[in-house]
Amino acid sequence: MTPKGVAIPTNAAELRSNLGKLSEASTKPASSRKFVGSDSAGPLRVRVEKGHPADPNFTGKPDPLYTADHLHIDRRANGASGVWGSQEKTGYAWPF
């Protein structure tokens, strides 16, 4: 369960089954899978990503999930329209 109340299955097969109800929009499926659709809160995009390589030159705020496998739940900036923005992020082992 995310802080905003989104239930994410802990079982990878169940997550993949749920994501199958959305449309896949992946452009780099070997490292990042994207699924789009809608739920009761409007447009939704779920991104499941492998951990990114550490960047020794990075000077921003550290994010422990950056180098670990993780999952993003994105929403549109204006509810039904606008750019996608990551509303929530949680660790999740690469299930694909």
Protein backbone atom coordinates (compact mmCIF):
# COMPACT_ATOMS: atom_id res chain seq x y z
CA MET A 1 0.00 0.00 0.00
CA THR A 2 1.40 3.38 -0.97
CA PRO A 3 1.05 6.45 1.28
CA LYS A 4 -1.85 7.65 -0.91
CA GLY A 5 -3.70 4.35 -0.53
CA VAL A 6 -2.88 2.62 -3.81
CA ALA A 7 -2.71 -1.13 -3.28
CA ILE A 8 0.25 -2.73 -5.05
CA PRO A 9 0.35 -6.54 -5.07
CA THR A 10 3.43 -7.99 -3.41
CA ASN A 11 3.20 -11.03 -5.69
CA ALA A 12 4.88 -10.29 -9.03
CA ALA A 13 2.48 -12.51 -11.02
CA GLU A 14 -0.51 -10.64 -9.57
CA LEU A 15 1.11 -7.29 -10.41
CA ARG A 16 1.75 -8.42 -14.00
CA SER A 17 -1.86 -9.62 -14.26
CA ASN A 18 -3.17 -6.26 -13.03
CA LEU A 19 -0.87 -4.34 -15.39
CA GLY A 20 -2.28 -6.47 -18.22
CA LYS A 21 -5.55 -4.57 -17.78
CA LEU A 22 -3.76 -1.38 -18.84
CA SER A 23 -2.26 -0.52 -22.23
CA GLU A 24 1.48 -1.03 -22.48
CA ALA A 25 3.40 2.05 -23.61
CA SER A 26 6.99 0.90 -23.05
CA THR A 27 9.76 2.40 -25.17
CA LYS A 28 12.64 0.60 -23.38
CA PRO A 29 11.02 -2.62 -22.10
CA ALA A 30 14.31 -4.21 -21.05
CA SER A 31 14.73 -1.65 -18.26
CA SER A 32 11.48 0.33 -17.95
CA ARG A 33 7.93 -0.86 -18.51
CA LYS A 34 5.10 1.69 -18.79
CA PHE A 35 1.38 1.01 -18.62
CA VAL A 36 -1.39 3.58 -19.08
CA GLY A 37 -5.09 3.56 -18.36
CA SER A 38 -7.57 5.07 -15.94
CA ASP A 39 -8.90 4.38 -12.48
CA SER A 40 -11.44 6.12 -10.26
CA ALA A 41 -9.03 9.08 -9.87
CA GLY A 42 -8.58 9.58 -13.64
CA PRO A 43 -5.71 8.92 -16.03
CA LEU A 44 -2.97 6.72 -14.62
CA ARG A 45 0.49 5.61 -15.73
CA VAL A 46 2.44 2.92 -13.91
CA ARG A 47 6.18 2.71 -14.56
CA VAL A 48 8.19 -0.27 -13.33
CA GLU A 49 11.90 0.41 -13.60
CA LYS A 50 15.13 -1.44 -12.99
CA GLY A 51 17.54 0.41 -10.74
CA HIS A 52 19.45 3.11 -12.58
CA PRO A 53 23.25 3.15 -12.59
CA ALA A 54 24.75 5.34 -9.88
CA ASP A 55 26.11 8.64 -11.21
CA PRO A 56 29.22 9.76 -9.33
CA ASN A 57 28.74 13.33 -10.63
CA PHE A 58 25.19 13.68 -9.30
CA THR A 59 24.89 16.63 -6.90
CA GLY A 60 21.13 16.71 -6.24
CA LYS A 61 19.10 15.30 -3.38
CA PRO A 62 19.92 11.58 -2.94
CA ASP A 63 17.11 9.13 -3.60
CA PRO A 64 17.75 5.60 -2.26
CA LEU A 65 15.27 4.15 -4.77
CA TYR A 66 17.14 5.53 -7.78
CA THR A 67 19.64 2.67 -7.90
CA ALA A 68 17.13 0.03 -6.72
CA ASP A 69 14.31 -1.52 -8.74
CA HIS A 70 11.20 0.61 -8.23
CA LEU A 71 7.69 1.42 -9.35
CA HIS A 72 6.16 4.86 -10.07
CA ILE A 73 2.49 5.80 -10.08
CA ASP A 74 2.04 8.83 -12.32
CA ARG A 75 -0.90 11.16 -12.72
CA ARG A 76 -1.68 13.98 -15.17
CA ALA A 77 -0.78 17.49 -13.99
CA ASN A 78 -4.30 18.87 -14.49
CA GLY A 79 -6.27 15.78 -13.54
CA ALA A 80 -7.41 14.66 -16.98
CA SER A 81 -4.74 16.45 -19.03
CA GLY A 82 -1.24 17.85 -18.82
CA VAL A 83 2.14 16.21 -18.46
CA TRP A 84 2.63 13.05 -16.46
CA GLY A 85 4.14 13.54 -13.02
CA SER A 86 5.30 10.95 -10.54
CA GLN A 87 2.89 11.08 -7.61
CA GLU A 88 4.28 8.08 -5.76
CA LYS A 89 7.31 5.83 -5.93
CA THR A 90 8.05 2.65 -4.04
CA GLY A 91 10.63 -0.10 -4.17
CA TYR A 92 9.60 -3.15 -6.19
CA ALA A 93 11.80 -5.98 -7.49
CA TRP A 94 11.84 -6.09 -11.32
CA PRO A 95 8.98 -8.53 -12.04
CA PHE A 96 9.50 -9.09 -15.78
